[in-house]
Protein backbone atom coordinates (compact mmCIF):
# COMPACT_ATOMS: atom_id res chain seq x y z
CA MET A 1 -28.60 -9.89 29.10
CA LYS A 2 -25.85 -8.11 27.17
CA LYS A 3 -25.24 -9.56 23.72
CA GLN A 4 -22.09 -7.75 22.63
CA ILE A 5 -18.51 -9.09 22.48
CA LEU A 6 -15.37 -6.96 22.18
CA ILE A 7 -12.57 -8.54 20.15
CA LEU A 8 -9.07 -7.09 20.40
CA THR A 9 -6.69 -7.81 17.53
CA HIS A 10 -2.97 -7.08 17.45
CA GLY A 11 -1.06 -8.33 14.44
CA THR A 12 -1.34 -7.90 10.73
CA HIS A 13 -1.76 -11.66 10.36
CA VAL A 14 -4.48 -12.12 12.98
CA TRP A 15 -8.08 -11.81 11.86
CA ALA A 16 -11.26 -12.06 13.89
CA ASP A 17 -13.55 -13.25 11.08
CA ASN A 18 -14.09 -16.74 12.48
CA MET A 19 -14.76 -15.36 15.96
CA GLU A 20 -17.25 -12.83 14.62
CA THR A 21 -19.08 -15.55 12.69
CA MET A 22 -19.17 -17.88 15.69
CA PHE A 23 -20.57 -15.18 17.97
CA LYS A 24 -23.12 -14.11 15.35
CA ASP A 25 -24.29 -17.73 15.02
CA ILE A 26 -25.10 -17.83 18.75
CA GLY A 27 -26.79 -14.43 18.82
CA TYR A 28 -23.98 -12.06 19.82
CA ALA A 29 -22.81 -8.98 17.98
CA SER A 30 -19.12 -8.15 18.07
CA ASP A 31 -16.90 -5.11 17.80
CA VAL A 32 -13.34 -5.62 16.58
CA ILE A 33 -10.67 -3.06 17.49
CA SER A 34 -6.90 -2.79 17.29
CA LEU A 35 -5.16 -0.27 19.52
CA ARG A 36 -2.02 -1.11 17.57
CA HIS A 37 -3.64 0.27 14.44
CA GLY A 38 -5.03 3.38 16.12
CA ASP A 39 -8.51 2.23 17.13
CA ILE A 40 -9.89 3.66 20.35
CA PHE A 41 -10.88 1.48 23.29
CA PRO A 42 -14.63 1.90 23.94
CA GLU A 43 -15.56 4.16 26.84
CA ASN A 44 -18.67 2.10 27.57
CA ILE A 45 -16.91 -1.18 28.36
CA GLU A 46 -19.73 -2.25 30.68
CA GLU A 47 -21.94 -2.78 27.60
CA TYR A 48 -19.92 -5.86 26.63
CA SER A 49 -20.68 -9.42 27.70
CA ALA A 50 -17.07 -10.51 27.25
CA ILE A 51 -13.74 -9.59 25.71
CA VAL A 52 -11.68 -11.82 23.42
CA ILE A 53 -7.99 -10.94 23.16
CA MET A 54 -6.41 -12.27 20.00
CA GLY A 55 -2.72 -13.07 19.85
CA GLY A 56 0.14 -11.26 18.22
CA MET A 57 3.90 -11.27 17.87
CA MET A 58 4.45 -9.05 20.91
CA GLY A 59 4.67 -10.08 24.53
CA VAL A 60 2.88 -8.28 27.34
CA TYR A 61 6.28 -7.32 28.76
CA GLU A 62 7.23 -5.35 25.59
CA ILE A 63 5.49 -2.09 26.50
CA GLU A 64 8.46 0.04 25.48
CA GLU A 65 8.39 -1.40 21.96
CA TYR A 66 4.58 -1.45 21.74
CA PRO A 67 3.38 1.55 23.80
CA TRP A 68 -0.31 0.89 23.06
CA LEU A 69 -0.03 -2.24 25.25
CA LYS A 70 -0.05 -0.05 28.35
CA GLN A 71 -3.52 1.30 27.57
CA GLU A 72 -4.79 -2.16 26.62
CA ILE A 73 -3.60 -3.61 29.93
CA GLN A 74 -5.19 -0.74 31.88
CA GLU A 75 -8.50 -1.14 30.04
CA LEU A 76 -8.50 -4.90 30.58
CA GLU A 77 -7.89 -4.37 34.29
CA LYS A 78 -10.98 -2.12 34.39
CA ALA A 79 -13.03 -4.72 32.54
CA LEU A 80 -11.99 -7.48 34.93
CA LYS A 81 -12.91 -5.27 37.92
CA LEU A 82 -16.36 -4.97 36.33
CA ASN A 83 -16.49 -8.81 36.16
CA ILE A 84 -16.47 -8.85 32.37
CA PRO A 85 -15.08 -12.24 31.33
CA ALA A 86 -12.00 -12.26 29.12
CA LEU A 87 -10.56 -14.95 26.89
CA GLY A 88 -7.09 -14.57 25.44
């Protein structure tokens, strides 16, 4: 069974520390990335057990203002097609 969680953060006031601790306590490692801040979405998405999408000030419809949202949406669509659960 895969034991890796991908956490996506978006805002400068949203931290994943509590999520990372919770997952660690139940035996899962986590990777935290922010496309907004220039991180790269992992190529090997199938290695993750689940994806947690943290909130932010933007809306999914604001792609023109936040161009990185387009890639995030595309990558999440791929993950869902691979039956990787997402929470967000």
